[in-house]
């Protein structure tokens, strides 16, 4: 076969590459993982007893918004990190915005409360449960994102793992808010970000060991 004929044959079979499927798959997978994680929380811990009255209060809404905003940024960076040639890390700073807002709210709450109440406001009744539950329930979405990453081509495993862990923790935080009985701003500003950061760190460590291309 002549070179010109080979080129013509290759050009004839050339089809546009769908580069958006990873993005669509990421958001769909996250939605499915969120539903599954919420189901696990309800099956294992149950819903908080006052959910009907508490669901639309500012603290519970803040928990959901914190988890959702962190997950949204992390998922955006995650799906971009699966395609070589992009620079998704420049968006990571956006995660600091919701955390900073929550920290500011916590600081104001403590400044307006008597000093002898600071400990109760910060630790609540379930700070240990929060530190354990968020990373534990994050396993479900993390496994889903791990499976999706195997379909991509991550060139920075630590970055992809960090974002997968952070996104998974954000989704887990939304699900855990169905049960979490502590609503103070200092509690939310302390233990939720710490649990998310721990999960992100574990993701950054584990991901490169299990995903290579």
C-alpha atoms as a PDB file:
ATOM      1  CA  UNK A   1       0.000   0.000   0.000  1.00  0.00           C
ATOM      2  CA  UNK A   2       1.330   3.413  -0.931  1.00  0.00           C
ATOM      3  CA  UNK A   3       1.833   6.047   1.719  1.00  0.00           C
ATOM      4  CA  UNK A   4      -0.809   8.322   0.218  1.00  0.00           C
ATOM      5  CA  UNK A   5      -3.313   5.471   0.242  1.00  0.00           C
ATOM      6  CA  UNK A   6      -2.540   4.726   3.915  1.00  0.00           C
ATOM      7  CA  UNK A   7      -3.000   8.376   4.870  1.00  0.00           C
ATOM      8  CA  UNK A   8      -6.296   8.501   2.991  1.00  0.00           C
ATOM      9  CA  UNK A   9      -7.499   5.342   4.733  1.00  0.00           C
ATOM     10  CA  UNK A  10      -6.588   6.709   8.187  1.00  0.00           C
ATOM     11  CA  UNK A  11      -8.251  10.038   7.446  1.00  0.00           C
ATOM     12  CA  UNK A  12     -11.421   8.324   6.262  1.00  0.00           C
ATOM     13  CA  UNK A  13     -11.773   6.457   9.579  1.00  0.00           C
ATOM     14  CA  UNK A  14     -11.022   9.510  11.704  1.00  0.00           C
ATOM     15  CA  UNK A  15     -13.868  10.467  14.055  1.00  0.00           C
ATOM     16  CA  UNK A  16     -14.039  13.346  16.541  1.00  0.00           C
ATOM     17  CA  UNK A  17     -13.005  12.284  20.029  1.00  0.00           C
ATOM     18  CA  UNK A  18     -15.634  12.827  22.697  1.00  0.00           C
ATOM     19  CA  UNK A  19     -13.616  14.618  25.363  1.00  0.00           C
ATOM     20  CA  UNK A  20     -16.670  15.461  27.449  1.00  0.00           C
ATOM     21  CA  UNK A  21     -17.628  11.957  28.467  1.00  0.00           C
ATOM     22  CA  UNK A  22     -15.301  11.989  31.481  1.00  0.00           C
ATOM     23  CA  UNK A  23     -16.934  15.148  32.786  1.00  0.00           C
ATOM     24  CA  UNK A  24     -20.425  13.740  32.336  1.00  0.00           C
ATOM     25  CA  UNK A  25     -19.404  10.431  33.895  1.00  0.00           C
ATOM     26  CA  UNK A  26     -17.821  12.221  36.868  1.00  0.00           C
ATOM     27  CA  UNK A  27     -20.933  14.192  37.781  1.00  0.00           C
ATOM     28  CA  UNK A  28     -23.260  11.251  37.201  1.00  0.00           C
ATOM     29  CA  UNK A  29     -21.041   8.974  39.296  1.00  0.00           C
ATOM     30  CA  UNK A  30     -20.940  11.560  42.078  1.00  0.00           C
ATOM     31  CA  UNK A  31     -24.731  11.800  42.113  1.00  0.00           C
ATOM     32  CA  UNK A  32     -25.119   8.027  42.291  1.00  0.00           C
ATOM     33  CA  UNK A  33     -22.460   7.819  45.018  1.00  0.00           C
ATOM     34  CA  UNK A  34     -24.200  10.558  47.030  1.00  0.00           C
ATOM     35  CA  UNK A  35     -27.513   8.706  46.910  1.00  0.00           C
ATOM     36  CA  UNK A  36     -25.826   5.452  47.905  1.00  0.00           C
ATOM     37  CA  UNK A  37     -23.905   7.109  50.748  1.00  0.00           C
ATOM     38  CA  UNK A  38     -27.023   8.816  52.084  1.00  0.00           C
ATOM     39  CA  UNK A  39     -28.730   5.432  52.037  1.00  0.00           C
ATOM     40  CA  UNK A  40     -25.866   3.920  54.024  1.00  0.00           C
ATOM     41  CA  UNK A  41     -26.088   6.691  56.623  1.00  0.00           C
ATOM     42  CA  UNK A  42     -29.819   6.161  57.021  1.00  0.00           C
ATOM     43  CA  UNK A  43     -29.418   2.382  57.276  1.00  0.00           C
ATOM     44  CA  UNK A  44     -26.561   2.426  59.781  1.00  0.00           C
ATOM     45  CA  UNK A  45     -27.038   5.599  61.856  1.00  0.00           C
ATOM     46  CA  UNK A  46     -30.545   6.691  61.081  1.00  0.00           C
ATOM     47  CA  UNK A  47     -31.894  10.174  60.604  1.00  0.00           C
ATOM     48  CA  UNK A  48     -31.677  12.785  63.364  1.00  0.00           C
ATOM     49  CA  UNK A  49     -34.858  12.827  65.437  1.00  0.00           C
ATOM     50  CA  UNK A  50     -35.658  16.473  64.692  1.00  0.00           C
ATOM     51  CA  UNK A  51     -34.928  16.361  60.971  1.00  0.00           C
ATOM     52  CA  UNK A  52     -38.355  17.740  60.036  1.00  0.00           C
ATOM     53  CA  UNK A  53     -37.778  21.002  61.899  1.00  0.00           C
ATOM     54  CA  UNK A  54     -33.987  21.188  61.555  1.00  0.00           C
ATOM     55  CA  UNK A  55     -33.629  20.481  57.846  1.00  0.00           C
ATOM     56  CA  UNK A  56     -34.242  24.068  56.745  1.00  0.00           C
ATOM     57  CA  UNK A  57     -32.309  25.747  59.555  1.00  0.00           C
ATOM     58  CA  UNK A  58     -29.115  27.653  58.787  1.00  0.00           C
ATOM     59  CA  UNK A  59     -26.686  25.179  60.454  1.00  0.00           C
ATOM     60  CA  UNK A  60     -27.977  22.171  58.523  1.00  0.00           C
ATOM     61  CA  UNK A  61     -28.090  24.136  55.292  1.00  0.00           C
ATOM     62  CA  UNK A  62     -24.515  25.233  55.990  1.00  0.00           C
ATOM     63  CA  UNK A  63     -23.413  21.609  56.401  1.00  0.00           C
ATOM     64  CA  UNK A  64     -24.942  20.712  53.043  1.00  0.00           C
ATOM     65  CA  UNK A  65     -23.529  23.782  51.303  1.00  0.00           C
ATOM     66  CA  UNK A  66     -20.067  23.192  52.743  1.00  0.00           C
ATOM     67  CA  UNK A  67     -20.022  19.593  51.545  1.00  0.00           C
ATOM     68  CA  UNK A  68     -21.559  20.479  48.176  1.00  0.00           C
ATOM     69  CA  UNK A  69     -19.192  23.366  47.434  1.00  0.00           C
ATOM     70  CA  UNK A  70     -16.101  21.378  48.414  1.00  0.00           C
ATOM     71  CA  UNK A  71     -17.284  18.410  46.364  1.00  0.00           C
ATOM     72  CA  UNK A  72     -18.086  20.590  43.339  1.00  0.00           C
ATOM     73  CA  UNK A  73     -14.627  22.160  43.206  1.00  0.00           C
ATOM     74  CA  UNK A  74     -12.873  18.856  43.908  1.00  0.00           C
ATOM     75  CA  UNK A  75     -14.872  17.032  41.236  1.00  0.00           C
ATOM     76  CA  UNK A  76     -14.086  19.737  38.675  1.00  0.00           C
ATOM     77  CA  UNK A  77     -10.364  19.393  39.355  1.00  0.00           C
ATOM     78  CA  UNK A  78     -10.650  15.604  39.519  1.00  0.00           C
ATOM     79  CA  UNK A  79     -12.224  15.174  36.098  1.00  0.00           C
ATOM     80  CA  UNK A  80      -9.753  17.633  34.543  1.00  0.00           C
ATOM     81  CA  UNK A  81      -6.837  15.738  36.085  1.00  0.00           C
ATOM     82  CA  UNK A  82      -7.858  12.629  34.152  1.00  0.00           C
ATOM     83  CA  UNK A  83      -6.954  14.305  30.860  1.00  0.00           C
ATOM     84  CA  UNK A  84      -3.258  15.051  30.167  1.00  0.00           C
ATOM     85  CA  UNK A  85      -2.371  18.543  29.044  1.00  0.00           C
ATOM     86  CA  UNK A  86      -4.706  20.443  31.352  1.00  0.00           C
ATOM     87  CA  UNK A  87      -3.753  22.450  34.453  1.00  0.00           C
ATOM     88  CA  UNK A  88      -6.550  21.774  36.932  1.00  0.00           C
ATOM     89  CA  UNK A  89      -4.533  22.480  40.091  1.00  0.00           C
ATOM     90  CA  UNK A  90      -5.007  26.233  39.680  1.00  0.00           C
ATOM     91  CA  UNK A  91      -8.634  25.827  40.801  1.00  0.00           C
ATOM     92  CA  UNK A  92      -7.782  24.196  44.130  1.00  0.00           C
ATOM     93  CA  UNK A  93      -7.741  27.528  45.971  1.00  0.00           C
ATOM     94  CA  UNK A  94     -11.507  27.770  45.495  1.00  0.00           C
ATOM     95  CA  UNK A  95     -11.919  25.132  48.204  1.00  0.00           C
ATOM     96  CA  UNK A  96     -10.633  27.675  50.717  1.00  0.00           C
ATOM     97  CA  UNK A  97     -13.621  29.963  50.108  1.00  0.00           C
ATOM     98  CA  UNK A  98     -16.357  27.877  51.815  1.00  0.00           C
ATOM     99  CA  UNK A  99     -13.951  26.793  54.538  1.00  0.00           C
ATOM    100  CA  UNK A 100     -13.007  30.421  55.183  1.00  0.00           C
ATOM    101  CA  UNK A 101     -16.655  31.460  55.375  1.00  0.00           C
ATOM    102  CA  UNK A 102     -17.427  28.701  57.869  1.00  0.00           C
ATOM    103  CA  UNK A 103     -14.332  29.588  59.909  1.00  0.00           C
ATOM    104  CA  UNK A 104     -15.402  33.236  59.994  1.00  0.00           C
ATOM    105  CA  UNK A 105     -18.888  32.269  61.139  1.00  0.00           C
ATOM    106  CA  UNK A 106     -17.372  30.058  63.856  1.00  0.00           C
ATOM    107  CA  UNK A 107     -15.113  32.883  65.048  1.00  0.00           C
ATOM    108  CA  UNK A 108     -18.036  35.297  65.280  1.00  0.00           C
ATOM    109  CA  UNK A 109     -20.111  32.731  67.173  1.00  0.00           C
ATOM    110  CA  UNK A 110     -17.347  32.157  69.717  1.00  0.00           C
ATOM    111  CA  UNK A 111     -16.711  35.877  70.144  1.00  0.00           C
ATOM    112  CA  UNK A 112     -20.352  36.389  71.047  1.00  0.00           C
ATOM    113  CA  UNK A 113     -20.537  33.457  73.479  1.00  0.00           C
ATOM    114  CA  UNK A 114     -19.248  33.314  77.075  1.00  0.00           C
ATOM    115  CA  UNK A 115     -15.844  31.698  77.377  1.00  0.00           C
ATOM    116  CA  UNK A 116     -17.177  28.821  79.479  1.00  0.00           C
ATOM    117  CA  UNK A 117     -19.373  27.763  76.550  1.00  0.00           C
ATOM    118  CA  UNK A 118     -16.581  27.596  73.985  1.00  0.00           C
ATOM    119  CA  UNK A 119     -15.762  23.968  74.675  1.00  0.00           C
ATOM    120  CA  UNK A 120     -19.370  22.818  74.356  1.00  0.00           C
ATOM    121  CA  UNK A 121     -19.876  24.811  71.165  1.00  0.00           C
ATOM    122  CA  UNK A 122     -16.705  23.446  69.581  1.00  0.00           C
ATOM    123  CA  UNK A 123     -16.798  19.798  70.644  1.00  0.00           C
ATOM    124  CA  UNK A 124     -20.538  19.291  70.860  1.00  0.00           C
ATOM    125  CA  UNK A 125     -21.721  15.774  71.582  1.00  0.00           C
ATOM    126  CA  UNK A 126     -20.261  13.952  68.600  1.00  0.00           C
ATOM    127  CA  UNK A 127     -16.952  15.408  67.429  1.00  0.00           C
ATOM    128  CA  UNK A 128     -15.292  11.974  67.491  1.00  0.00           C
ATOM    129  CA  UNK A 129     -18.187  10.494  65.529  1.00  0.00           C
ATOM    130  CA  UNK A 130     -17.832  13.215  62.905  1.00  0.00           C
ATOM    131  CA  UNK A 131     -14.099  12.581  62.501  1.00  0.00           C
ATOM    132  CA  UNK A 132     -14.771   8.868  62.020  1.00  0.00           C
ATOM    133  CA  UNK A 133     -18.031   8.967  60.069  1.00  0.00           C
ATOM    134  CA  UNK A 134     -17.079  11.380  57.276  1.00  0.00           C
ATOM    135  CA  UNK A 135     -13.938   9.470  56.170  1.00  0.00           C
ATOM    136  CA  UNK A 136     -15.704   6.140  56.665  1.00  0.00           C
ATOM    137  CA  UNK A 137     -18.731   7.022  54.550  1.00  0.00           C
ATOM    138  CA  UNK A 138     -16.414   8.638  52.004  1.00  0.00           C
ATOM    139  CA  UNK A 139     -15.220   5.145  51.064  1.00  0.00           C
ATOM    140  CA  UNK A 140     -18.285   4.601  48.880  1.00  0.00           C
ATOM    141  CA  UNK A 141     -17.811   7.638  46.586  1.00  0.00           C
ATOM    142  CA  UNK A 142     -14.039   7.178  46.680  1.00  0.00           C
ATOM    143  CA  UNK A 143     -14.342   3.670  45.249  1.00  0.00           C
ATOM    144  CA  UNK A 144     -16.667   4.995  42.539  1.00  0.00           C
ATOM    145  CA  UNK A 145     -14.204   7.745  41.595  1.00  0.00           C
ATOM    146  CA  UNK A 146     -11.344   5.251  41.714  1.00  0.00           C
ATOM    147  CA  UNK A 147     -13.109   3.071  39.166  1.00  0.00           C
ATOM    148  CA  UNK A 148     -13.752   6.107  36.971  1.00  0.00           C
ATOM    149  CA  UNK A 149     -10.123   7.225  37.158  1.00  0.00           C
ATOM    150  CA  UNK A 150      -9.057   3.914  35.670  1.00  0.00           C
ATOM    151  CA  UNK A 151     -10.880   4.975  32.507  1.00  0.00           C
ATOM    152  CA  UNK A 152      -8.865   8.179  32.260  1.00  0.00           C
ATOM    153  CA  UNK A 153      -5.181   9.050  32.106  1.00  0.00           C
ATOM    154  CA  UNK A 154      -4.164  10.834  35.329  1.00  0.00           C
ATOM    155  CA  UNK A 155      -0.615  12.133  35.131  1.00  0.00           C
ATOM    156  CA  UNK A 156      -0.480  13.388  38.723  1.00  0.00           C
ATOM    157  CA  UNK A 157      -1.755  10.620  40.936  1.00  0.00           C
ATOM    158  CA  UNK A 158      -1.353  12.618  44.127  1.00  0.00           C
ATOM    159  CA  UNK A 159      -3.468  15.491  42.792  1.00  0.00           C
ATOM    160  CA  UNK A 160      -6.130  13.151  41.431  1.00  0.00           C
ATOM    161  CA  UNK A 161      -6.196  11.221  44.697  1.00  0.00           C
ATOM    162  CA  UNK A 162      -6.398  14.367  46.802  1.00  0.00           C
ATOM    163  CA  UNK A 163      -9.362  15.635  44.783  1.00  0.00           C
ATOM    164  CA  UNK A 164     -11.060  12.247  44.811  1.00  0.00           C
ATOM    165  CA  UNK A 165     -10.678  12.112  48.587  1.00  0.00           C
ATOM    166  CA  UNK A 166     -11.880  15.669  49.076  1.00  0.00           C
ATOM    167  CA  UNK A 167     -14.868  15.191  46.759  1.00  0.00           C
ATOM    168  CA  UNK A 168     -15.752  11.932  48.498  1.00  0.00           C
ATOM    169  CA  UNK A 169     -15.550  13.610  51.897  1.00  0.00           C
ATOM    170  CA  UNK A 170     -17.756  16.452  50.687  1.00  0.00           C
ATOM    171  CA  UNK A 171     -20.391  13.995  49.500  1.00  0.00           C
ATOM    172  CA  UNK A 172     -20.080  12.050  52.756  1.00  0.00           C
ATOM    173  CA  UNK A 173     -20.548  15.269  54.724  1.00  0.00           C
ATOM    174  CA  UNK A 174     -23.811  15.948  52.901  1.00  0.00           C
ATOM    175  CA  UNK A 175     -25.025  12.446  53.686  1.00  0.00           C
ATOM    176  CA  UNK A 176     -23.853  12.608  57.318  1.00  0.00           C
ATOM    177  CA  UNK A 177     -25.761  15.863  57.827  1.00  0.00           C
ATOM    178  CA  UNK A 178     -28.918  13.733  57.806  1.00  0.00           C
ATOM    179  CA  UNK A 179     -27.780  12.312  61.143  1.00  0.00           C
ATOM    180  CA  UNK A 180     -25.357  14.794  62.727  1.00  0.00           C
ATOM    181  CA  UNK A 181     -27.009  16.259  65.863  1.00  0.00           C
ATOM    182  CA  UNK A 182     -24.528  19.112  66.442  1.00  0.00           C
ATOM    183  CA  UNK A 183     -25.381  22.396  64.763  1.00  0.00           C
ATOM    184  CA  UNK A 184     -23.070  25.019  66.231  1.00  0.00           C
ATOM    185  CA  UNK A 185     -20.863  26.986  63.849  1.00  0.00           C
ATOM    186  CA  UNK A 186     -17.652  26.228  65.826  1.00  0.00           C
ATOM    187  CA  UNK A 187     -18.411  22.502  65.594  1.00  0.00           C
ATOM    188  CA  UNK A 188     -19.045  22.745  61.860  1.00  0.00           C
ATOM    189  CA  UNK A 189     -16.005  24.930  61.288  1.00  0.00           C
ATOM    190  CA  UNK A 190     -13.697  22.571  63.182  1.00  0.00           C
ATOM    191  CA  UNK A 191     -14.503  18.924  62.618  1.00  0.00           C
ATOM    192  CA  UNK A 192     -16.031  18.861  59.142  1.00  0.00           C
ATOM    193  CA  UNK A 193     -13.025  20.547  57.458  1.00  0.00           C
ATOM    194  CA  UNK A 194     -10.627  18.434  59.519  1.00  0.00           C
ATOM    195  CA  UNK A 195     -12.394  15.201  58.505  1.00  0.00           C
ATOM    196  CA  UNK A 196     -12.375  16.300  54.865  1.00  0.00           C
ATOM    197  CA  UNK A 197      -8.686  17.202  54.978  1.00  0.00           C
ATOM    198  CA  UNK A 198      -7.824  13.816  56.516  1.00  0.00           C
ATOM    199  CA  UNK A 199      -9.773  12.023  53.790  1.00  0.00           C
ATOM    200  CA  UNK A 200      -8.086  14.096  51.090  1.00  0.00           C
ATOM    201  CA  UNK A 201      -4.677  13.240  52.526  1.00  0.00           C
ATOM    202  CA  UNK A 202      -5.470   9.538  52.530  1.00  0.00           C
ATOM    203  CA  UNK A 203      -6.680   9.812  48.954  1.00  0.00           C
ATOM    204  CA  UNK A 204      -3.457  11.484  47.865  1.00  0.00           C
ATOM    205  CA  UNK A 205      -1.431   8.692  49.483  1.00  0.00           C
ATOM    206  CA  UNK A 206      -3.497   5.736  48.283  1.00  0.00           C
ATOM    207  CA  UNK A 207      -4.491   6.782  44.781  1.00  0.00           C
ATOM    208  CA  UNK A 208      -1.068   6.557  43.078  1.00  0.00           C
ATOM    209  CA  UNK A 209      -0.635   3.037  44.471  1.00  0.00           C
ATOM    210  CA  UNK A 210      -3.783   1.673  42.856  1.00  0.00           C
ATOM    211  CA  UNK A 211      -4.160   3.744  39.666  1.00  0.00           C
ATOM    212  CA  UNK A 212      -1.420   3.777  37.061  1.00  0.00           C
ATOM    213  CA  UNK A 213      -1.438   4.037  33.320  1.00  0.00           C
END
